[in-house]
Amino acid sequence: MELYIMRFSIVLDEPWLCKISRCSTFTMNSSSAAILVAIAVDRFRRICRPHGPQLNTKTSKRICIGCVLIGICLYAWPSVIFYGTRTITVGGYVGKSCQIMNQYDGLISPKIYFLFQICSTAVIFIVLSVLYYLVGVIVYKHKKMRMKRSEERNKVLDMLIKEDRSPNERVTRVHINTKDEIHTTPTSNIRNLSTQINDLKHENSKVDSAIHMQPDYKQRKEITQSDTQTNLKSVLSSKLKIGGSTLMLFLITLAYVVSFLPFLVIAVLRQTDSKFLMTLNEAGYAVYQVCLRSYLLSCAIDPIIYLFCNAQFRNFCLDVFKSQTNRKV
């Protein structure tokens, strides 16, 4: 429909097609914006208020339906009244375009409708910016805290490793001291020498028994590392899952906002300057038509974001591609 309207943008004299097009456009844009706000609120509650009530699947479906109803009731239905065929002058040529009809030029109601759209768009942008800013602050603090805990955990592991090494070091010192005492003992004192040797043998037997009672150092180290790695993997997997979802949803929101800005600028210029279209040449009018539909760019960017941020979507695309390739073969 949009391609058809762009193809015959100057000679389009089909008011009902224009009304349907603008009504569906406002419904989709406003509903998408409301859903993005709901997603931002969900991210804020999950990350900044993790112990509070969270949205479940049933509630999320109701919110989506409510967002669509908001888009229809607040934004879409006035477009059916105001939009239609408008007589315009572009580059010295008189044509017909899909805009607010000429009969509403002197009325204040279209201006109120347009002002409501601009104010609500600004409020939505501010709400999204504030919510994701708060989410980003908490994510940064959690990341910093995890790094600090990781450093403390490594210090504790190093201390345990040093404690595991200490019995072997004590045994080595005992053997060294035994040799020194045997060699430095005077040969004339044979009775004292035999007594010392017996005492040292007894002490060595105690140390050896203590060594056998201690678990092997390497084995303890491997067990400690394996348990630690298992716990870290389970914790990090949940953290990365939340972090990856938040990043993906933030990028989708950012793509929507950035792609919506050219349309917003063009719409403001068109409503505030009645001679804006008259000053455009053919190339300028083509750019105007593209910017007027720049919000559609987010629909093309979103799959790319899903492809890089969502493994399930990526695997699904690979499976579809493989199945299509096998059919051709």
C-alpha atoms as a PDB file:
ATOM      1  CA  MET A   1       0.000   0.000   0.000  1.00  0.00           C
ATOM      2  CA  GLU A   2       2.786   2.424   0.910  1.00  0.00           C
ATOM      3  CA  LEU A   3       4.656   1.566  -2.282  1.00  0.00           C
ATOM      4  CA  TYR A   4       1.526   2.252  -4.313  1.00  0.00           C
ATOM      5  CA  ILE A   5       1.018   5.608  -2.585  1.00  0.00           C
ATOM      6  CA  MET A   6       4.672   6.543  -3.155  1.00  0.00           C
ATOM      7  CA  ARG A   7       4.453   5.509  -6.814  1.00  0.00           C
ATOM      8  CA  PHE A   8       1.471   7.803  -7.421  1.00  0.00           C
ATOM      9  CA  SER A   9       2.256  10.340  -4.695  1.00  0.00           C
ATOM     10  CA  ILE A  10       1.353  13.412  -6.798  1.00  0.00           C
ATOM     11  CA  VAL A  11      -1.537  11.999  -8.823  1.00  0.00           C
ATOM     12  CA  LEU A  12      -3.247   9.979  -6.097  1.00  0.00           C
ATOM     13  CA  ASP A  13      -6.934  10.812  -5.922  1.00  0.00           C
ATOM     14  CA  GLU A  14      -8.245   7.912  -3.837  1.00  0.00           C
ATOM     15  CA  PRO A  15      -9.379   9.303  -0.462  1.00  0.00           C
ATOM     16  CA  TRP A  16     -10.484   5.991   1.083  1.00  0.00           C
ATOM     17  CA  LEU A  17      -7.172   4.369   0.287  1.00  0.00           C
ATOM     18  CA  CYS A  18      -5.476   7.307   1.966  1.00  0.00           C
ATOM     19  CA  LYS A  19      -7.713   7.014   5.035  1.00  0.00           C
ATOM     20  CA  ILE A  20      -7.042   3.270   5.377  1.00  0.00           C
ATOM     21  CA  SER A  21      -3.311   3.780   4.891  1.00  0.00           C
ATOM     22  CA  ARG A  22      -2.992   6.544   7.470  1.00  0.00           C
ATOM     23  CA  CYS A  23      -5.236   4.761   9.974  1.00  0.00           C
ATOM     24  CA  SER A  24      -3.171   1.569   9.774  1.00  0.00           C
ATOM     25  CA  THR A  25       0.072   3.569   9.955  1.00  0.00           C
ATOM     26  CA  PHE A  26      -0.958   5.443  13.099  1.00  0.00           C
ATOM     27  CA  THR A  27      -2.269   2.229  14.660  1.00  0.00           C
ATOM     28  CA  MET A  28       0.976   0.334  14.092  1.00  0.00           C
ATOM     29  CA  ASN A  29       3.269   3.192  15.107  1.00  0.00           C
ATOM     30  CA  SER A  30       1.397   4.121  18.266  1.00  0.00           C
ATOM     31  CA  SER A  31       0.903   0.480  19.292  1.00  0.00           C
ATOM     32  CA  SER A  32       4.595  -0.255  18.731  1.00  0.00           C
ATOM     33  CA  ALA A  33       5.587   2.750  20.827  1.00  0.00           C
ATOM     34  CA  ALA A  34       3.262   1.698  23.658  1.00  0.00           C
ATOM     35  CA  ILE A  35       4.594  -1.884  23.550  1.00  0.00           C
ATOM     36  CA  LEU A  36       8.179  -0.591  23.671  1.00  0.00           C
ATOM     37  CA  VAL A  37       7.282   1.409  26.782  1.00  0.00           C
ATOM     38  CA  ALA A  38       5.773  -1.729  28.332  1.00  0.00           C
ATOM     39  CA  ILE A  39       8.960  -3.659  27.495  1.00  0.00           C
ATOM     40  CA  ALA A  40      11.082  -0.931  29.071  1.00  0.00           C
ATOM     41  CA  VAL A  41       8.943  -1.076  32.220  1.00  0.00           C
ATOM     42  CA  ASP A  42       9.350  -4.866  32.286  1.00  0.00           C
ATOM     43  CA  ARG A  43      13.154  -4.540  31.974  1.00  0.00           C
ATOM     44  CA  PHE A  44      13.153  -1.958  34.762  1.00  0.00           C
ATOM     45  CA  ARG A  45      11.128  -4.204  37.086  1.00  0.00           C
ATOM     46  CA  ARG A  46      13.230  -7.283  36.346  1.00  0.00           C
ATOM     47  CA  ILE A  47      16.602  -5.592  36.837  1.00  0.00           C
ATOM     48  CA  CYS A  48      15.958  -2.665  39.177  1.00  0.00           C
ATOM     49  CA  ARG A  49      13.125  -4.279  41.199  1.00  0.00           C
ATOM     50  CA  PRO A  50      13.875  -8.022  40.951  1.00  0.00           C
ATOM     51  CA  HIS A  51      12.042  -8.928  44.176  1.00  0.00           C
ATOM     52  CA  GLY A  52       8.825  -7.157  43.216  1.00  0.00           C
ATOM     53  CA  PRO A  53       5.910  -8.487  41.136  1.00  0.00           C
ATOM     54  CA  GLN A  54       6.865  -9.384  37.556  1.00  0.00           C
ATOM     55  CA  LEU A  55       4.876  -9.654  34.342  1.00  0.00           C
ATOM     56  CA  ASN A  56       3.785 -13.131  33.322  1.00  0.00           C
ATOM     57  CA  THR A  57       2.740 -14.366  29.884  1.00  0.00           C
ATOM     58  CA  LYS A  58      -0.966 -13.790  30.434  1.00  0.00           C
ATOM     59  CA  THR A  59      -0.426 -10.224  31.633  1.00  0.00           C
ATOM     60  CA  SER A  60       1.920  -9.520  28.721  1.00  0.00           C
ATOM     61  CA  LYS A  61      -0.744 -10.596  26.223  1.00  0.00           C
ATOM     62  CA  ARG A  62      -3.282  -8.317  27.873  1.00  0.00           C
ATOM     63  CA  ILE A  63      -0.820  -5.428  27.773  1.00  0.00           C
ATOM     64  CA  CYS A  64      -0.232  -5.971  24.047  1.00  0.00           C
ATOM     65  CA  ILE A  65      -3.973  -5.964  23.366  1.00  0.00           C
ATOM     66  CA  GLY A  66      -4.326  -2.819  25.485  1.00  0.00           C
ATOM     67  CA  CYS A  67      -1.519  -1.109  23.537  1.00  0.00           C
ATOM     68  CA  VAL A  68      -3.296  -1.843  20.243  1.00  0.00           C
ATOM     69  CA  LEU A  69      -6.568  -0.457  21.633  1.00  0.00           C
ATOM     70  CA  ILE A  70      -4.756   2.672  22.824  1.00  0.00           C
ATOM     71  CA  GLY A  71      -3.296   3.146  19.360  1.00  0.00           C
ATOM     72  CA  ILE A  72      -6.717   2.831  17.739  1.00  0.00           C
ATOM     73  CA  CYS A  73      -8.693   4.928  20.241  1.00  0.00           C
ATOM     74  CA  LEU A  74      -6.223   7.775  20.790  1.00  0.00           C
ATOM     75  CA  TYR A  75      -4.266   8.045  17.550  1.00  0.00           C
ATOM     76  CA  ALA A  76      -5.809   6.169  14.627  1.00  0.00           C
ATOM     77  CA  TRP A  77      -9.481   7.103  14.410  1.00  0.00           C
ATOM     78  CA  PRO A  78      -8.990  10.891  13.933  1.00  0.00           C
ATOM     79  CA  SER A  79      -6.879  10.138  10.855  1.00  0.00           C
ATOM     80  CA  VAL A  80      -9.957   8.622   9.192  1.00  0.00           C
ATOM     81  CA  ILE A  81     -11.647  12.015   9.525  1.00  0.00           C
ATOM     82  CA  PHE A  82      -8.800  14.393   8.697  1.00  0.00           C
ATOM     83  CA  TYR A  83      -6.833  12.534   6.024  1.00  0.00           C
ATOM     84  CA  GLY A  84      -7.823  12.135   2.397  1.00  0.00           C
ATOM     85  CA  THR A  85      -6.998  13.711  -0.966  1.00  0.00           C
ATOM     86  CA  ARG A  86      -5.257  17.077  -0.792  1.00  0.00           C
ATOM     87  CA  THR A  87      -4.516  19.428  -3.656  1.00  0.00           C
ATOM     88  CA  ILE A  88      -0.825  20.400  -3.610  1.00  0.00           C
ATOM     89  CA  THR A  89       1.620  22.362  -5.757  1.00  0.00           C
ATOM     90  CA  VAL A  90       5.088  20.857  -6.277  1.00  0.00           C
ATOM     91  CA  GLY A  91       7.636  22.399  -8.638  1.00  0.00           C
ATOM     92  CA  GLY A  92       4.969  24.429 -10.401  1.00  0.00           C
ATOM     93  CA  TYR A  93       2.728  21.398 -10.926  1.00  0.00           C
ATOM     94  CA  VAL A  94      -0.678  20.918  -9.303  1.00  0.00           C
ATOM     95  CA  GLY A  95      -1.379  17.411  -8.052  1.00  0.00           C
ATOM     96  CA  LYS A  96      -3.240  15.270  -5.571  1.00  0.00           C
ATOM     97  CA  SER A  97      -1.584  13.782  -2.469  1.00  0.00           C
ATOM     98  CA  CYS A  98      -2.498  11.705   0.570  1.00  0.00           C
ATOM     99  CA  GLN A  99      -2.510  14.284   3.381  1.00  0.00           C
ATOM    100  CA  ILE A 100      -4.898  16.256   5.586  1.00  0.00           C
ATOM    101  CA  MET A 101      -7.672  17.487   3.332  1.00  0.00           C
ATOM    102  CA  ASN A 102      -7.807  21.168   2.303  1.00  0.00           C
ATOM    103  CA  GLN A 103     -11.178  21.705   3.961  1.00  0.00           C
ATOM    104  CA  TYR A 104      -9.553  21.422   7.418  1.00  0.00           C
ATOM    105  CA  ASP A 105      -6.913  24.107   6.820  1.00  0.00           C
ATOM    106  CA  GLY A 106      -8.704  26.815   8.777  1.00  0.00           C
ATOM    107  CA  LEU A 107      -9.817  24.616  11.676  1.00  0.00           C
ATOM    108  CA  ILE A 108      -8.004  24.145  14.978  1.00  0.00           C
ATOM    109  CA  SER A 109      -8.916  20.469  15.447  1.00  0.00           C
ATOM    110  CA  PRO A 110      -6.175  19.103  13.114  1.00  0.00           C
ATOM    111  CA  LYS A 111      -3.630  21.286  14.900  1.00  0.00           C
ATOM    112  CA  ILE A 112      -4.721  19.910  18.294  1.00  0.00           C
ATOM    113  CA  TYR A 113      -4.492  16.373  16.918  1.00  0.00           C
ATOM    114  CA  PHE A 114      -1.003  17.035  15.569  1.00  0.00           C
ATOM    115  CA  LEU A 115       0.113  18.730  18.811  1.00  0.00           C
ATOM    116  CA  PHE A 116      -1.157  15.744  20.812  1.00  0.00           C
ATOM    117  CA  GLN A 117       0.897  13.406  18.637  1.00  0.00           C
ATOM    118  CA  ILE A 118       4.059  15.494  19.032  1.00  0.00           C
ATOM    119  CA  CYS A 119       3.695  15.789  22.817  1.00  0.00           C
ATOM    120  CA  SER A 120       2.956  12.087  23.281  1.00  0.00           C
ATOM    121  CA  THR A 121       5.954  11.187  21.096  1.00  0.00           C
ATOM    122  CA  ALA A 122       8.212  13.418  23.193  1.00  0.00           C
ATOM    123  CA  VAL A 123       6.855  11.875  26.411  1.00  0.00           C
ATOM    124  CA  ILE A 124       7.452   8.358  25.073  1.00  0.00           C
ATOM    125  CA  PHE A 125      11.040   9.217  24.100  1.00  0.00           C
ATOM    126  CA  ILE A 126      11.700  10.685  27.556  1.00  0.00           C
ATOM    127  CA  VAL A 127      10.166   7.695  29.368  1.00  0.00           C
ATOM    128  CA  LEU A 128      12.198   5.227  27.298  1.00  0.00           C
ATOM    129  CA  SER A 129      15.402   7.202  27.869  1.00  0.00           C
ATOM    130  CA  VAL A 130      14.882   7.428  31.643  1.00  0.00           C
ATOM    131  CA  LEU A 131      13.948   3.758  32.080  1.00  0.00           C
ATOM    132  CA  TYR A 132      16.860   2.422  30.049  1.00  0.00           C
ATOM    133  CA  TYR A 133      19.215   4.861  31.765  1.00  0.00           C
ATOM    134  CA  LEU A 134      18.185   3.461  35.156  1.00  0.00           C
ATOM    135  CA  VAL A 135      18.529  -0.082  33.821  1.00  0.00           C
ATOM    136  CA  GLY A 136      21.989   0.729  32.474  1.00  0.00           C
ATOM    137  CA  VAL A 137      23.102   2.138  35.834  1.00  0.00           C
ATOM    138  CA  ILE A 138      21.997  -1.010  37.677  1.00  0.00           C
ATOM    139  CA  VAL A 139      23.598  -3.294  35.084  1.00  0.00           C
ATOM    140  CA  TYR A 140      26.872  -1.380  35.414  1.00  0.00           C
ATOM    141  CA  LYS A 141      26.759  -1.638  39.212  1.00  0.00           C
ATOM    142  CA  HIS A 142      26.036  -5.371  39.055  1.00  0.00           C
ATOM    143  CA  LYS A 143      28.891  -5.890  36.626  1.00  0.00           C
ATOM    144  CA  LYS A 144      31.259  -3.980  38.882  1.00  0.00           C
ATOM    145  CA  MET A 145      30.083  -5.975  41.907  1.00  0.00           C
ATOM    146  CA  ARG A 146      30.536  -9.286  40.063  1.00  0.00           C
ATOM    147  CA  MET A 147      34.077  -8.331  39.118  1.00  0.00           C
ATOM    148  CA  LYS A 148      34.829  -7.481  42.741  1.00  0.00           C
ATOM    149  CA  ARG A 149      33.352 -10.781  43.955  1.00  0.00           C
ATOM    150  CA  SER A 150      35.335 -12.650  41.325  1.00  0.00           C
ATOM    151  CA  GLU A 151      38.545 -11.073  42.596  1.00  0.00           C
ATOM    152  CA  GLU A 152      37.665 -11.979  46.189  1.00  0.00           C
ATOM    153  CA  ARG A 153      36.827 -15.548  45.124  1.00  0.00           C
ATOM    154  CA  ASN A 154      40.176 -15.874  43.392  1.00  0.00           C
ATOM    155  CA  LYS A 155      41.949 -14.648  46.525  1.00  0.00           C
ATOM    156  CA  VAL A 156      40.136 -17.255  48.636  1.00  0.00           C
ATOM    157  CA  LEU A 157      41.063 -20.004  46.170  1.00  0.00           C
ATOM    158  CA  ASP A 158      44.697 -18.901  46.271  1.00  0.00           C
ATOM    159  CA  MET A 159      44.648 -19.072  50.072  1.00  0.00           C
ATOM    160  CA  LEU A 160      43.173 -22.590  49.943  1.00  0.00           C
ATOM    161  CA  ILE A 161      45.839 -23.648  47.473  1.00  0.00           C
ATOM    162  CA  LYS A 162      48.578 -22.320  49.739  1.00  0.00           C
ATOM    163  CA  GLU A 163      47.081 -24.161  52.718  1.00  0.00           C
ATOM    164  CA  ASP A 164      47.017 -27.388  50.696  1.00  0.00           C
ATOM    165  CA  ARG A 165      50.692 -26.983  49.886  1.00  0.00           C
ATOM    166  CA  SER A 166      51.750 -26.380  53.501  1.00  0.00           C
ATOM    167  CA  PRO A 167      51.817 -30.082  54.687  1.00  0.00           C
ATOM    168  CA  ASN A 168      54.231 -31.041  51.895  1.00  0.00           C
ATOM    169  CA  GLU A 169      56.431 -28.093  52.771  1.00  0.00           C
ATOM    170  CA  ARG A 170      56.431 -29.125  56.429  1.00  0.00           C
ATOM    171  CA  VAL A 171      57.426 -32.662  55.500  1.00  0.00           C
ATOM    172  CA  THR A 172      60.268 -31.371  53.365  1.00  0.00           C
ATOM    173  CA  ARG A 173      61.515 -29.211  56.219  1.00  0.00           C
ATOM    174  CA  VAL A 174      61.319 -32.158  58.603  1.00  0.00           C
ATOM    175  CA  HIS A 175      63.448 -34.338  56.300  1.00  0.00           C
ATOM    176  CA  ILE A 176      65.946 -31.557  55.855  1.00  0.00           C
ATOM    177  CA  ASN A 177      66.168 -30.977  59.587  1.00  0.00           C
ATOM    178  CA  THR A 178      66.573 -34.742  60.105  1.00  0.00           C
ATOM    179  CA  LYS A 179      69.559 -34.890  57.825  1.00  0.00           C
ATOM    180  CA  ASP A 180      71.118 -31.831  59.384  1.00  0.00           C
ATOM    181  CA  GLU A 181      70.712 -33.137  62.890  1.00  0.00           C
ATOM    182  CA  ILE A 182      72.150 -36.541  61.973  1.00  0.00           C
ATOM    183  CA  HIS A 183      75.184 -35.066  60.311  1.00  0.00           C
ATOM    184  CA  THR A 184      75.844 -32.452  62.940  1.00  0.00           C
ATOM    185  CA  THR A 185      75.448 -34.714  65.919  1.00  0.00           C
ATOM    186  CA  PRO A 186      78.801 -35.548  67.582  1.00  0.00           C
ATOM    187  CA  THR A 187      79.858 -39.180  67.092  1.00  0.00           C
ATOM    188  CA  SER A 188      80.923 -39.556  70.684  1.00  0.00           C
ATOM    189  CA  ASN A 189      77.335 -39.270  71.946  1.00  0.00           C
ATOM    190  CA  ILE A 190      75.993 -42.513  70.479  1.00  0.00           C
ATOM    191  CA  ARG A 191      73.238 -42.973  73.048  1.00  0.00           C
ATOM    192  CA  ASN A 192      71.874 -39.469  72.446  1.00  0.00           C
ATOM    193  CA  LEU A 193      72.179 -40.031  68.704  1.00  0.00           C
ATOM    194  CA  SER A 194      70.130 -43.222  68.814  1.00  0.00           C
ATOM    195  CA  THR A 195      67.534 -41.486  70.961  1.00  0.00           C
ATOM    196  CA  GLN A 196      67.276 -38.599  68.486  1.00  0.00           C
ATOM    197  CA  ILE A 197      67.025 -40.975  65.540  1.00  0.00           C
ATOM    198  CA  ASN A 198      64.197 -42.886  67.217  1.00  0.00           C
ATOM    199  CA  ASP A 199      62.417 -39.627  68.026  1.00  0.00           C
ATOM    200  CA  LEU A 200      62.823 -38.416  64.439  1.00  0.00           C
ATOM    201  CA  LYS A 201      61.530 -41.720  63.057  1.00  0.00           C
ATOM    202  CA  HIS A 202      58.519 -41.450  65.328  1.00  0.00           C
ATOM    203  CA  GLU A 203      57.922 -37.873  64.204  1.00  0.00           C
ATOM    204  CA  ASN A 204      58.288 -38.828  60.536  1.00  0.00           C
ATOM    205  CA  SER A 205      55.768 -41.652  60.951  1.00  0.00           C
ATOM    206  CA  LYS A 206      53.273 -39.160  62.418  1.00  0.00           C
ATOM    207  CA  VAL A 207      53.823 -36.760  59.549  1.00  0.00           C
ATOM    208  CA  ASP A 208      53.467 -39.548  56.983  1.00  0.00           C
ATOM    209  CA  SER A 209      50.212 -40.707  58.546  1.00  0.00           C
ATOM    210  CA  ALA A 210      48.974 -37.117  58.527  1.00  0.00           C
ATOM    211  CA  ILE A 211      49.876 -36.841  54.855  1.00  0.00           C
ATOM    212  CA  HIS A 212      47.928 -39.994  54.011  1.00  0.00           C
ATOM    213  CA  MET A 213      44.933 -38.664  55.904  1.00  0.00           C
ATOM    214  CA  GLN A 214      45.023 -35.378  53.916  1.00  0.00           C
ATOM    215  CA  PRO A 215      43.355 -35.539  50.453  1.00  0.00           C
ATOM    216  CA  ASP A 216      45.672 -35.204  47.517  1.00  0.00           C
ATOM    217  CA  TYR A 217      46.407 -31.576  46.656  1.00  0.00           C
ATOM    218  CA  LYS A 218      45.822 -31.923  42.957  1.00  0.00           C
ATOM    219  CA  GLN A 219      42.595 -33.831  43.536  1.00  0.00           C
ATOM    220  CA  ARG A 220      41.299 -31.193  45.946  1.00  0.00           C
ATOM    221  CA  LYS A 221      42.281 -28.472  43.535  1.00  0.00           C
ATOM    222  CA  GLU A 222      40.474 -30.178  40.655  1.00  0.00           C
ATOM    223  CA  ILE A 223      37.340 -30.753  42.763  1.00  0.00           C
ATOM    224  CA  THR A 224      37.340 -27.146  43.963  1.00  0.00           C
ATOM    225  CA  GLN A 225      37.845 -25.792  40.466  1.00  0.00           C
ATOM    226  CA  SER A 226      35.177 -28.054  38.936  1.00  0.00           C
ATOM    227  CA  ASP A 227      32.597 -27.103  41.579  1.00  0.00           C
ATOM    228  CA  THR A 228      33.462 -23.440  41.210  1.00  0.00           C
ATOM    229  CA  GLN A 229      33.240 -23.592  37.430  1.00  0.00           C
ATOM    230  CA  THR A 230      29.873 -25.360  37.602  1.00  0.00           C
ATOM    231  CA  ASN A 231      28.449 -22.736  39.937  1.00  0.00           C
ATOM    232  CA  LEU A 232      29.911 -19.924  37.875  1.00  0.00           C
ATOM    233  CA  LYS A 233      28.458 -21.347  34.662  1.00  0.00           C
ATOM    234  CA  SER A 234      24.975 -21.638  36.152  1.00  0.00           C
ATOM    235  CA  VAL A 235      25.092 -18.116  37.561  1.00  0.00           C
ATOM    236  CA  LEU A 236      26.679 -16.555  34.502  1.00  0.00           C
ATOM    237  CA  SER A 237      24.257 -18.282  32.124  1.00  0.00           C
ATOM    238  CA  SER A 238      21.272 -16.696  33.881  1.00  0.00           C
ATOM    239  CA  LYS A 239      23.024 -13.340  34.093  1.00  0.00           C
ATOM    240  CA  LEU A 240      24.033 -13.433  30.431  1.00  0.00           C
ATOM    241  CA  LYS A 241      20.517 -14.442  29.426  1.00  0.00           C
ATOM    242  CA  ILE A 242      19.030 -11.437  31.209  1.00  0.00           C
ATOM    243  CA  GLY A 243      21.793  -9.168  29.956  1.00  0.00           C
ATOM    244  CA  GLY A 244      21.445 -10.400  26.363  1.00  0.00           C
ATOM    245  CA  SER A 245      17.674  -9.923  26.358  1.00  0.00           C
ATOM    246  CA  THR A 246      18.004  -6.438  27.809  1.00  0.00           C
ATOM    247  CA  LEU A 247      20.618  -5.482  25.215  1.00  0.00           C
ATOM    248  CA  MET A 248      18.481  -6.835  22.376  1.00  0.00           C
ATOM    249  CA  LEU A 249      15.365  -4.983  23.524  1.00  0.00           C
ATOM    250  CA  PHE A 250      17.352  -1.789  24.057  1.00  0.00           C
ATOM    251  CA  LEU A 251      18.744  -1.974  20.504  1.00  0.00           C
ATOM    252  CA  ILE A 252      15.245  -2.557  19.119  1.00  0.00           C
ATOM    253  CA  THR A 253      13.984   0.497  21.005  1.00  0.00           C
ATOM    254  CA  LEU A 254      16.948   2.563  19.828  1.00  0.00           C
ATOM    255  CA  ALA A 255      16.346   1.506  16.212  1.00  0.00           C
ATOM    256  CA  TYR A 256      12.701   2.509  16.508  1.00  0.00           C
ATOM    257  CA  VAL A 257      13.520   5.929  17.948  1.00  0.00           C
ATOM    258  CA  VAL A 258      16.278   6.699  15.434  1.00  0.00           C
ATOM    259  CA  SER A 259      14.193   5.584  12.446  1.00  0.00           C
ATOM    260  CA  PHE A 260      11.206   7.603  13.688  1.00  0.00           C
ATOM    261  CA  LEU A 261      13.113  10.892  14.005  1.00  0.00           C
ATOM    262  CA  PRO A 262      13.264  11.774  10.247  1.00  0.00           C
ATOM    263  CA  PHE A 263       9.509  11.230   9.959  1.00  0.00           C
ATOM    264  CA  LEU A 264       8.941  13.399  13.023  1.00  0.00           C
ATOM    265  CA  VAL A 265      11.080  16.243  11.641  1.00  0.00           C
ATOM    266  CA  ILE A 266       9.372  16.152   8.241  1.00  0.00           C
ATOM    267  CA  ALA A 267       5.919  16.046   9.844  1.00  0.00           C
ATOM    268  CA  VAL A 268       6.712  19.077  12.012  1.00  0.00           C
ATOM    269  CA  LEU A 269       8.073  21.031   9.038  1.00  0.00           C
ATOM    270  CA  ARG A 270       5.037  20.186   6.930  1.00  0.00           C
ATOM    271  CA  GLN A 271       2.564  21.257   9.607  1.00  0.00           C
ATOM    272  CA  THR A 272       4.351  24.430  10.685  1.00  0.00           C
ATOM    273  CA  ASP A 273       5.241  25.674   7.180  1.00  0.00           C
ATOM    274  CA  SER A 274       2.374  25.677   4.704  1.00  0.00           C
ATOM    275  CA  LYS A 275       4.733  26.469   1.799  1.00  0.00           C
ATOM    276  CA  PHE A 276       7.227  23.713   2.644  1.00  0.00           C
ATOM    277  CA  LEU A 277       6.173  21.419  -0.217  1.00  0.00           C
ATOM    278  CA  MET A 278       6.102  24.271  -2.733  1.00  0.00           C
ATOM    279  CA  THR A 279       9.801  24.957  -2.193  1.00  0.00           C
ATOM    280  CA  LEU A 280      10.846  21.374  -3.007  1.00  0.00           C
ATOM    281  CA  ASN A 281      12.128  20.292  -6.394  1.00  0.00           C
ATOM    282  CA  GLU A 282      11.784  16.754  -7.745  1.00  0.00           C
ATOM    283  CA  ALA A 283      14.841  15.413  -5.873  1.00  0.00           C
ATOM    284  CA  GLY A 284      13.785  17.149  -2.665  1.00  0.00           C
ATOM    285  CA  TYR A 285      10.287  15.744  -2.975  1.00  0.00           C
ATOM    286  CA  ALA A 286      11.718  12.233  -3.409  1.00  0.00           C
ATOM    287  CA  VAL A 287      13.784  12.670  -0.225  1.00  0.00           C
ATOM    288  CA  TYR A 288      10.682  14.016   1.488  1.00  0.00           C
ATOM    289  CA  GLN A 289       8.726  10.878   0.558  1.00  0.00           C
ATOM    290  CA  VAL A 290      11.512   8.603   1.857  1.00  0.00           C
ATOM    291  CA  CYS A 291      11.862  10.484   5.166  1.00  0.00           C
ATOM    292  CA  LEU A 292       8.099  10.491   5.550  1.00  0.00           C
ATOM    293  CA  ARG A 293       8.282   6.680   5.776  1.00  0.00           C
ATOM    294  CA  SER A 294      11.575   6.333   7.629  1.00  0.00           C
ATOM    295  CA  TYR A 295       9.803   4.587  10.520  1.00  0.00           C
ATOM    296  CA  LEU A 296       9.535   1.499   8.284  1.00  0.00           C
ATOM    297  CA  LEU A 297      13.319   1.145   8.528  1.00  0.00           C
ATOM    298  CA  SER A 298      13.026  -0.289  12.036  1.00  0.00           C
ATOM    299  CA  CYS A 299      11.077  -3.250  10.606  1.00  0.00           C
ATOM    300  CA  ALA A 300      14.122  -4.094   8.473  1.00  0.00           C
ATOM    301  CA  ILE A 301      16.642  -3.485  11.266  1.00  0.00           C
ATOM    302  CA  ASP A 302      14.874  -5.600  13.897  1.00  0.00           C
ATOM    303  CA  PRO A 303      15.590  -8.986  12.219  1.00  0.00           C
ATOM    304  CA  ILE A 304      19.287  -8.075  12.036  1.00  0.00           C
ATOM    305  CA  ILE A 305      19.275  -7.304  15.760  1.00  0.00           C
ATOM    306  CA  TYR A 306      17.507 -10.609  16.464  1.00  0.00           C
ATOM    307  CA  LEU A 307      20.085 -12.416  14.328  1.00  0.00           C
ATOM    308  CA  PHE A 308      23.020 -11.144  16.390  1.00  0.00           C
ATOM    309  CA  CYS A 309      21.419 -11.127  19.849  1.00  0.00           C
ATOM    310  CA  ASN A 310      19.070 -14.131  19.863  1.00  0.00           C
ATOM    311  CA  ALA A 311      20.509 -17.623  19.386  1.00  0.00           C
ATOM    312  CA  GLN A 312      17.057 -19.205  19.000  1.00  0.00           C
ATOM    313  CA  PHE A 313      16.134 -16.874  16.133  1.00  0.00           C
ATOM    314  CA  ARG A 314      19.555 -17.450  14.555  1.00  0.00           C
ATOM    315  CA  ASN A 315      19.174 -21.231  14.687  1.00  0.00           C
ATOM    316  CA  PHE A 316      15.659 -20.977  13.266  1.00  0.00           C
ATOM    317  CA  CYS A 317      16.938 -18.953  10.301  1.00  0.00           C
ATOM    318  CA  LEU A 318      19.706 -21.481   9.702  1.00  0.00           C
ATOM    319  CA  ASP A 319      17.206 -24.350   9.777  1.00  0.00           C
ATOM    320  CA  VAL A 320      14.941 -22.581   7.282  1.00  0.00           C
ATOM    321  CA  PHE A 321      17.889 -21.829   5.014  1.00  0.00           C
ATOM    322  CA  LYS A 322      19.094 -25.451   5.154  1.00  0.00           C
ATOM    323  CA  SER A 323      15.618 -26.806   4.438  1.00  0.00           C
ATOM    324  CA  GLN A 324      15.233 -24.505   1.424  1.00  0.00           C
ATOM    325  CA  THR A 325      18.696 -25.483   0.167  1.00  0.00           C
ATOM    326  CA  ASN A 326      17.909 -29.190   0.495  1.00  0.00           C
ATOM    327  CA  ARG A 327      14.670 -28.736  -1.462  1.00  0.00           C
ATOM    328  CA  LYS A 328      16.521 -27.118  -4.350  1.00  0.00           C
ATOM    329  CA  VAL A 329      19.105 -29.902  -4.382  1.00  0.00           C
END
